[in-house]
Amino acid sequence: MDGQNNFNNIEAVKLGQCLGFAAGVKNTLMIMSVPSPVKICWPEEGVSNGQAARILHKYLKDNPQKLHEDETLLAMLSMSEAFACN
């Protein structure tokens, strides 16, 4: 290897986190720029990242017919189902 693109594992993980974060923000802003019926009433105590991941995983497992749709939209739908406004 010539060393120019020689990432160690920690740098690769950090790069993946950065790219994922940037993509998530971009996708969310794109979806939010159009009118949406998605309403979420977050619990006062908040939601941990682990809880959010479990909610998304369950939603995807329960809705395989939607797996072709945009991942950000699916995440938003999973949260709106879990934290529906009554």
C-alpha atoms as a PDB file:
ATOM      1  CA  MET A   1       0.000   0.000   0.000  1.00  0.00           C
ATOM      2  CA  ASP A   2       1.153   3.495  -0.703  1.00  0.00           C
ATOM      3  CA  GLY A   3      -0.197   4.883   2.574  1.00  0.00           C
ATOM      4  CA  GLN A   4      -2.394   7.577   1.029  1.00  0.00           C
ATOM      5  CA  ASN A   5      -5.647   5.764   1.799  1.00  0.00           C
ATOM      6  CA  ASN A   6      -4.412   3.623   4.661  1.00  0.00           C
ATOM      7  CA  PHE A   7      -7.044   4.072   7.375  1.00  0.00           C
ATOM      8  CA  ASN A   8      -6.836   2.240  10.643  1.00  0.00           C
ATOM      9  CA  ASN A   9     -10.004   0.727  12.102  1.00  0.00           C
ATOM     10  CA  ILE A  10     -10.709   3.680  14.401  1.00  0.00           C
ATOM     11  CA  GLU A  11     -10.382   6.197  11.574  1.00  0.00           C
ATOM     12  CA  ALA A  12     -12.652   4.065   9.372  1.00  0.00           C
ATOM     13  CA  VAL A  13     -15.321   3.936  12.085  1.00  0.00           C
ATOM     14  CA  LYS A  14     -15.082   7.698  12.635  1.00  0.00           C
ATOM     15  CA  LEU A  15     -15.392   8.300   8.895  1.00  0.00           C
ATOM     16  CA  GLY A  16     -18.429   6.009   8.730  1.00  0.00           C
ATOM     17  CA  GLN A  17     -20.044   7.824  11.662  1.00  0.00           C
ATOM     18  CA  CYS A  18     -19.413  11.198  10.048  1.00  0.00           C
ATOM     19  CA  LEU A  19     -20.787  10.120   6.652  1.00  0.00           C
ATOM     20  CA  GLY A  20     -23.819   8.511   8.289  1.00  0.00           C
ATOM     21  CA  PHE A  21     -24.525  11.603  10.364  1.00  0.00           C
ATOM     22  CA  ALA A  22     -24.191  13.902   7.347  1.00  0.00           C
ATOM     23  CA  ALA A  23     -26.456  11.671   5.246  1.00  0.00           C
ATOM     24  CA  GLY A  24     -29.041  11.499   8.034  1.00  0.00           C
ATOM     25  CA  VAL A  25     -29.168  15.266   8.440  1.00  0.00           C
ATOM     26  CA  LYS A  26     -29.343  15.819   4.669  1.00  0.00           C
ATOM     27  CA  ASN A  27     -32.107  13.235   4.211  1.00  0.00           C
ATOM     28  CA  THR A  28     -34.100  14.588   7.149  1.00  0.00           C
ATOM     29  CA  LEU A  29     -33.893  18.140   5.825  1.00  0.00           C
ATOM     30  CA  MET A  30     -34.957  16.974   2.374  1.00  0.00           C
ATOM     31  CA  ILE A  31     -37.986  15.144   3.783  1.00  0.00           C
ATOM     32  CA  MET A  32     -38.879  18.047   6.064  1.00  0.00           C
ATOM     33  CA  SER A  33     -38.900  20.442   3.109  1.00  0.00           C
ATOM     34  CA  VAL A  34     -42.154  18.897   1.852  1.00  0.00           C
ATOM     35  CA  PRO A  35     -45.436  18.851   3.779  1.00  0.00           C
ATOM     36  CA  SER A  36     -45.707  15.691   5.843  1.00  0.00           C
ATOM     37  CA  PRO A  37     -48.403  14.074   7.947  1.00  0.00           C
ATOM     38  CA  VAL A  38     -45.714  12.636  10.262  1.00  0.00           C
ATOM     39  CA  LYS A  39     -46.365  13.823  13.809  1.00  0.00           C
ATOM     40  CA  ILE A  40     -44.258  12.718  16.759  1.00  0.00           C
ATOM     41  CA  CYS A  41     -44.943  13.415  20.431  1.00  0.00           C
ATOM     42  CA  TRP A  42     -41.638  12.646  22.122  1.00  0.00           C
ATOM     43  CA  PRO A  43     -41.759  11.447  25.724  1.00  0.00           C
ATOM     44  CA  GLU A  44     -40.592  13.995  28.291  1.00  0.00           C
ATOM     45  CA  GLU A  45     -37.773  11.693  29.421  1.00  0.00           C
ATOM     46  CA  GLY A  46     -36.483  11.502  25.862  1.00  0.00           C
ATOM     47  CA  VAL A  47     -35.445   8.522  23.767  1.00  0.00           C
ATOM     48  CA  SER A  48     -32.015   6.895  23.856  1.00  0.00           C
ATOM     49  CA  ASN A  49     -30.231   5.966  20.636  1.00  0.00           C
ATOM     50  CA  GLY A  50     -30.509   2.311  21.618  1.00  0.00           C
ATOM     51  CA  GLN A  51     -34.263   2.601  22.107  1.00  0.00           C
ATOM     52  CA  ALA A  52     -34.608   4.397  18.763  1.00  0.00           C
ATOM     53  CA  ALA A  53     -32.644   1.619  17.042  1.00  0.00           C
ATOM     54  CA  ARG A  54     -34.884  -1.064  18.599  1.00  0.00           C
ATOM     55  CA  ILE A  55     -38.014   0.830  17.501  1.00  0.00           C
ATOM     56  CA  LEU A  56     -36.702   1.123  13.942  1.00  0.00           C
ATOM     57  CA  HIS A  57     -35.676  -2.542  13.844  1.00  0.00           C
ATOM     58  CA  LYS A  58     -39.143  -3.662  14.991  1.00  0.00           C
ATOM     59  CA  TYR A  59     -40.859  -1.360  12.478  1.00  0.00           C
ATOM     60  CA  LEU A  60     -38.766  -2.723   9.604  1.00  0.00           C
ATOM     61  CA  LYS A  61     -39.386  -6.316  10.706  1.00  0.00           C
ATOM     62  CA  ASP A  62     -43.155  -5.667  10.978  1.00  0.00           C
ATOM     63  CA  ASN A  63     -43.349  -3.825   7.614  1.00  0.00           C
ATOM     64  CA  PRO A  64     -41.220  -5.714   5.064  1.00  0.00           C
ATOM     65  CA  GLN A  65     -43.387  -4.376   2.229  1.00  0.00           C
ATOM     66  CA  LYS A  66     -41.906  -0.911   2.879  1.00  0.00           C
ATOM     67  CA  LEU A  67     -38.222  -1.862   2.762  1.00  0.00           C
ATOM     68  CA  HIS A  68     -37.805  -0.319  -0.702  1.00  0.00           C
ATOM     69  CA  GLU A  69     -38.691   3.142   0.668  1.00  0.00           C
ATOM     70  CA  ASP A  70     -36.236   5.826   1.813  1.00  0.00           C
ATOM     71  CA  GLU A  71     -34.481   4.851   5.043  1.00  0.00           C
ATOM     72  CA  THR A  72     -34.927   8.265   6.648  1.00  0.00           C
ATOM     73  CA  LEU A  73     -38.656   8.237   5.937  1.00  0.00           C
ATOM     74  CA  LEU A  74     -38.927   4.733   7.404  1.00  0.00           C
ATOM     75  CA  ALA A  75     -37.118   5.852  10.556  1.00  0.00           C
ATOM     76  CA  MET A  76     -39.445   8.832  10.892  1.00  0.00           C
ATOM     77  CA  LEU A  77     -42.514   6.636  10.388  1.00  0.00           C
ATOM     78  CA  SER A  78     -41.262   4.176  13.000  1.00  0.00           C
ATOM     79  CA  MET A  79     -40.888   6.977  15.561  1.00  0.00           C
ATOM     80  CA  SER A  80     -44.281   8.459  14.725  1.00  0.00           C
ATOM     81  CA  GLU A  81     -45.879   5.056  15.247  1.00  0.00           C
ATOM     82  CA  ALA A  82     -44.056   4.481  18.536  1.00  0.00           C
ATOM     83  CA  PHE A  83     -44.711   7.994  19.837  1.00  0.00           C
ATOM     84  CA  ALA A  84     -48.053   8.831  18.275  1.00  0.00           C
ATOM     85  CA  CYS A  85     -49.764  12.035  19.337  1.00  0.00           C
ATOM     86  CA  ASN A  86     -53.138  11.234  20.872  1.00  0.00           C
END
